[in-house]
Amino acid sequence: MTLLAVVTVRCFAEWKQSEVVILLDQIQAVMTNDDNIKYSTMADKLEWDKVKVGQHTPSECKDQWINITTKVYHCLFTVIKPDLCRWVFRAIR
């Protein structure tokens, strides 16, 4: 199962897939271009009142964003952990 498939299955409790796509598009539209900011800080600073998807409130949109990013980071870490361990082992030799 791909990373996207895992995240997709786990993130759509009360959201349609099309709503999540709209959410991601709207978040990207209101995000700052500061690539050095942590995603959790960005989530706190984002103007969530400008993000509205269907009947979901800005608060629900933020909660869904946090849910998605948490799943993505967890899955990503699981996928790259073996490579990270090998890289660290080689670096300390």
N, C-alpha and C. Protein backbone atom coordinates (compact mmCIF):
# COMPACT_ATOMS: atom_id res chain seq x y z
N MET A 1 0.85 -1.17 0.00
CA MET A 1 0.00 0.00 0.00
C MET A 1 0.90 1.23 0.00
N THR A 2 0.59 2.19 -0.84
CA THR A 2 1.40 3.40 -0.94
C THR A 2 1.12 4.33 0.23
N LEU A 3 2.04 5.28 0.45
CA LEU A 3 1.87 6.28 1.50
C LEU A 3 0.56 7.03 1.31
N LEU A 4 0.28 7.44 0.08
CA LEU A 4 -0.95 8.17 -0.19
C LEU A 4 -2.18 7.33 0.12
N ALA A 5 -2.13 6.06 -0.20
CA ALA A 5 -3.27 5.17 0.08
C ALA A 5 -3.50 5.03 1.57
N VAL A 6 -2.43 4.90 2.35
CA VAL A 6 -2.56 4.78 3.80
C VAL A 6 -3.18 6.04 4.37
N VAL A 7 -2.66 7.18 3.97
CA VAL A 7 -3.17 8.46 4.47
C VAL A 7 -4.62 8.65 4.04
N THR A 8 -4.93 8.30 2.82
CA THR A 8 -6.28 8.46 2.29
C THR A 8 -7.28 7.65 3.10
N VAL A 9 -6.97 6.40 3.36
CA VAL A 9 -7.88 5.52 4.09
C VAL A 9 -8.13 6.05 5.50
N ARG A 10 -7.12 6.57 6.14
CA ARG A 10 -7.23 6.97 7.54
C ARG A 10 -7.77 8.38 7.75
N CYS A 11 -7.86 9.20 6.73
CA CYS A 11 -8.19 10.61 6.93
C CYS A 11 -9.61 11.01 6.56
N PHE A 12 -10.37 10.11 6.01
CA PHE A 12 -11.67 10.53 5.48
C PHE A 12 -12.85 10.10 6.34
N ALA A 13 -12.74 10.23 7.63
CA ALA A 13 -13.83 9.80 8.51
C ALA A 13 -15.13 10.50 8.15
N GLU A 14 -15.15 11.82 8.13
CA GLU A 14 -16.38 12.55 7.82
C GLU A 14 -16.18 13.49 6.63
N TRP A 15 -15.12 13.28 5.90
CA TRP A 15 -14.78 14.14 4.78
C TRP A 15 -14.78 13.33 3.48
N LYS A 16 -15.31 13.93 2.44
CA LYS A 16 -15.22 13.32 1.11
C LYS A 16 -13.82 13.60 0.57
N GLN A 17 -13.36 12.73 -0.31
CA GLN A 17 -12.04 12.93 -0.91
C GLN A 17 -11.98 14.27 -1.63
N SER A 18 -13.03 14.65 -2.31
CA SER A 18 -13.05 15.93 -3.03
C SER A 18 -12.93 17.10 -2.05
N GLU A 19 -13.49 16.97 -0.85
CA GLU A 19 -13.37 18.03 0.16
C GLU A 19 -11.93 18.17 0.65
N VAL A 20 -11.25 17.05 0.79
CA VAL A 20 -9.85 17.10 1.24
C VAL A 20 -9.00 17.78 0.17
N VAL A 21 -9.26 17.50 -1.09
CA VAL A 21 -8.52 18.15 -2.17
C VAL A 21 -8.77 19.66 -2.13
N ILE A 22 -10.01 20.07 -1.94
CA ILE A 22 -10.33 21.50 -1.82
C ILE A 22 -9.63 22.10 -0.62
N LEU A 23 -9.64 21.39 0.49
CA LEU A 23 -8.96 21.85 1.70
C LEU A 23 -7.49 22.11 1.42
N LEU A 24 -6.82 21.15 0.81
CA LEU A 24 -5.39 21.31 0.51
C LEU A 24 -5.14 22.48 -0.43
N ASP A 25 -6.00 22.65 -1.43
CA ASP A 25 -5.87 23.78 -2.35
C ASP A 25 -6.04 25.11 -1.62
N GLN A 26 -7.03 25.19 -0.75
CA GLN A 26 -7.27 26.44 -0.02
C GLN A 26 -6.15 26.74 0.96
N ILE A 27 -5.63 25.73 1.62
CA ILE A 27 -4.51 25.93 2.53
C ILE A 27 -3.31 26.46 1.77
N GLN A 28 -3.04 25.86 0.62
CA GLN A 28 -1.91 26.31 -0.18
C GLN A 28 -2.09 27.76 -0.62
N ALA A 29 -3.31 28.15 -0.91
CA ALA A 29 -3.59 29.52 -1.36
C ALA A 29 -3.34 30.56 -0.25
N VAL A 30 -3.56 30.19 1.01
CA VAL A 30 -3.40 31.16 2.10
C VAL A 30 -2.09 30.98 2.88
N MET A 31 -1.29 29.97 2.51
CA MET A 31 -0.02 29.74 3.20
C MET A 31 0.98 30.84 2.86
N THR A 32 1.87 31.10 3.82
CA THR A 32 2.99 31.97 3.53
C THR A 32 4.04 31.17 2.76
N ASN A 33 4.97 31.86 2.18
CA ASN A 33 6.02 31.18 1.42
C ASN A 33 7.24 30.87 2.28
N ASP A 34 7.08 30.90 3.60
CA ASP A 34 8.19 30.64 4.51
C ASP A 34 8.40 29.14 4.65
N ASP A 35 9.36 28.61 3.91
CA ASP A 35 9.63 27.17 3.93
C ASP A 35 10.34 26.72 5.20
N ASN A 36 10.81 27.65 6.01
CA ASN A 36 11.56 27.29 7.20
C ASN A 36 10.68 27.14 8.43
N ILE A 37 9.39 27.31 8.28
CA ILE A 37 8.47 27.25 9.41
C ILE A 37 7.99 25.81 9.60
N LYS A 38 7.88 25.35 10.84
CA LYS A 38 7.36 24.01 11.11
C LYS A 38 5.89 23.94 10.72
N TYR A 39 5.45 22.75 10.33
CA TYR A 39 4.06 22.63 9.91
C TYR A 39 3.09 22.93 11.05
N SER A 40 3.48 22.60 12.28
CA SER A 40 2.59 22.87 13.42
C SER A 40 2.48 24.37 13.69
N THR A 41 3.58 25.08 13.52
CA THR A 41 3.56 26.55 13.67
C THR A 41 2.73 27.17 12.55
N MET A 42 2.92 26.65 11.34
CA MET A 42 2.15 27.15 10.21
C MET A 42 0.66 26.95 10.46
N ALA A 43 0.30 25.81 11.02
CA ALA A 43 -1.12 25.54 11.29
C ALA A 43 -1.68 26.54 12.29
N ASP A 44 -0.88 26.95 13.27
CA ASP A 44 -1.34 27.92 14.25
C ASP A 44 -1.46 29.32 13.67
N LYS A 45 -0.59 29.65 12.72
CA LYS A 45 -0.56 31.01 12.17
C LYS A 45 -1.43 31.19 10.93
N LEU A 46 -1.89 30.10 10.35
CA LEU A 46 -2.70 30.20 9.13
C LEU A 46 -4.02 30.90 9.41
N GLU A 47 -4.48 31.68 8.47
CA GLU A 47 -5.76 32.39 8.62
C GLU A 47 -6.89 31.42 8.28
N TRP A 48 -7.28 30.63 9.28
CA TRP A 48 -8.25 29.57 9.06
C TRP A 48 -9.63 30.09 8.69
N ASP A 49 -9.94 31.35 9.05
CA ASP A 49 -11.25 31.90 8.67
C ASP A 49 -11.35 32.10 7.16
N LYS A 50 -10.22 32.03 6.44
CA LYS A 50 -10.23 32.11 4.98
C LYS A 50 -10.34 30.72 4.35
N VAL A 51 -10.30 29.69 5.18
CA VAL A 51 -10.38 28.32 4.68
C VAL A 51 -11.75 27.76 5.06
N LYS A 52 -12.55 27.48 4.06
CA LYS A 52 -13.88 26.94 4.29
C LYS A 52 -14.16 25.89 3.23
N VAL A 53 -14.57 24.73 3.65
CA VAL A 53 -14.87 23.64 2.73
C VAL A 53 -16.26 23.11 3.03
N GLY A 54 -17.16 23.30 2.08
CA GLY A 54 -18.53 22.81 2.26
C GLY A 54 -19.13 23.31 3.57
N GLN A 55 -19.66 22.39 4.36
CA GLN A 55 -20.28 22.72 5.64
C GLN A 55 -19.29 22.69 6.80
N HIS A 56 -18.02 22.41 6.51
CA HIS A 56 -17.01 22.31 7.56
C HIS A 56 -16.56 23.70 8.00
N THR A 57 -16.48 23.89 9.30
CA THR A 57 -16.05 25.17 9.86
C THR A 57 -14.53 25.32 9.72
N PRO A 58 -14.03 26.54 9.87
CA PRO A 58 -12.57 26.73 9.85
C PRO A 58 -11.87 25.87 10.91
N SER A 59 -12.48 25.69 12.07
CA SER A 59 -11.91 24.87 13.12
C SER A 59 -11.83 23.41 12.68
N GLU A 60 -12.86 22.91 12.02
CA GLU A 60 -12.85 21.54 11.51
C GLU A 60 -11.81 21.38 10.41
N CYS A 61 -11.64 22.42 9.60
CA CYS A 61 -10.61 22.38 8.55
C CYS A 61 -9.22 22.28 9.17
N LYS A 62 -8.98 23.06 10.22
CA LYS A 62 -7.69 23.00 10.90
C LYS A 62 -7.48 21.61 11.51
N ASP A 63 -8.49 21.08 12.16
CA ASP A 63 -8.38 19.75 12.75
C ASP A 63 -8.08 18.69 11.69
N GLN A 64 -8.73 18.80 10.54
CA GLN A 64 -8.49 17.84 9.46
C GLN A 64 -7.06 17.99 8.93
N TRP A 65 -6.58 19.23 8.80
CA TRP A 65 -5.20 19.47 8.35
C TRP A 65 -4.21 18.82 9.32
N ILE A 66 -4.43 19.00 10.60
CA ILE A 66 -3.54 18.40 11.60
C ILE A 66 -3.60 16.87 11.52
N ASN A 67 -4.79 16.34 11.32
CA ASN A 67 -4.97 14.89 11.17
C ASN A 67 -4.18 14.38 9.95
N ILE A 68 -4.31 15.06 8.83
CA ILE A 68 -3.62 14.64 7.60
C ILE A 68 -2.11 14.72 7.79
N THR A 69 -1.62 15.84 8.29
CA THR A 69 -0.17 16.00 8.41
C THR A 69 0.42 15.03 9.43
N THR A 70 -0.32 14.74 10.48
CA THR A 70 0.16 13.76 11.46
C THR A 70 0.31 12.40 10.81
N LYS A 71 -0.70 11.99 10.05
CA LYS A 71 -0.64 10.68 9.37
C LYS A 71 0.49 10.64 8.35
N VAL A 72 0.64 11.72 7.58
CA VAL A 72 1.69 11.76 6.56
C VAL A 72 3.06 11.66 7.21
N TYR A 73 3.31 12.45 8.25
CA TYR A 73 4.62 12.41 8.89
C TYR A 73 4.89 11.05 9.54
N HIS A 74 3.87 10.46 10.14
CA HIS A 74 4.05 9.13 10.75
C HIS A 74 4.38 8.09 9.67
N CYS A 75 3.62 8.11 8.59
CA CYS A 75 3.85 7.14 7.51
C CYS A 75 5.20 7.38 6.85
N LEU A 76 5.54 8.64 6.64
CA LEU A 76 6.81 8.97 6.02
C LEU A 76 7.97 8.49 6.89
N PHE A 77 7.89 8.72 8.19
CA PHE A 77 8.95 8.27 9.08
C PHE A 77 9.08 6.76 9.04
N THR A 78 7.96 6.06 9.03
CA THR A 78 7.98 4.60 8.97
C THR A 78 8.68 4.12 7.70
N VAL A 79 8.43 4.81 6.60
CA VAL A 79 9.02 4.42 5.32
C VAL A 79 10.52 4.71 5.29
N ILE A 80 10.95 5.86 5.81
CA ILE A 80 12.36 6.24 5.68
C ILE A 80 13.23 5.85 6.88
N LYS A 81 12.63 5.35 7.95
CA LYS A 81 13.40 5.01 9.15
C LYS A 81 14.58 4.08 8.87
N PRO A 82 14.41 2.99 8.11
CA PRO A 82 15.57 2.13 7.85
C PRO A 82 16.72 2.88 7.16
N ASP A 83 16.37 3.72 6.19
CA ASP A 83 17.41 4.50 5.51
C ASP A 83 18.07 5.50 6.46
N LEU A 84 17.29 6.11 7.32
CA LEU A 84 17.86 7.04 8.30
C LEU A 84 18.83 6.33 9.24
N CYS A 85 18.45 5.15 9.70
CA CYS A 85 19.32 4.39 10.60
C CYS A 85 20.64 4.04 9.91
N ARG A 86 20.57 3.60 8.66
CA ARG A 86 21.80 3.29 7.91
C ARG A 86 22.66 4.54 7.74
N TRP A 87 22.02 5.66 7.43
CA TRP A 87 22.75 6.91 7.23
C TRP A 87 23.45 7.34 8.52
N VAL A 88 22.75 7.27 9.65
CA VAL A 88 23.35 7.64 10.94
C VAL A 88 24.50 6.71 11.27
N PHE A 89 24.32 5.41 11.05
CA PHE A 89 25.37 4.43 11.36
C PHE A 89 26.63 4.73 10.54
N ARG A 90 26.45 5.04 9.27
CA ARG A 90 27.62 5.37 8.42
C ARG A 90 28.26 6.67 8.85
N ALA A 91 27.46 7.64 9.27
CA ALA A 91 27.99 8.96 9.64
C ALA A 91 28.84 8.90 10.90
N ILE A 92 28.53 7.98 11.82
CA ILE A 92 29.27 7.95 13.09
C ILE A 92 30.48 7.02 13.03
N ARG A 93 30.69 6.33 11.93
CA ARG A 93 31.87 5.46 11.82
C ARG A 93 33.10 6.25 11.59
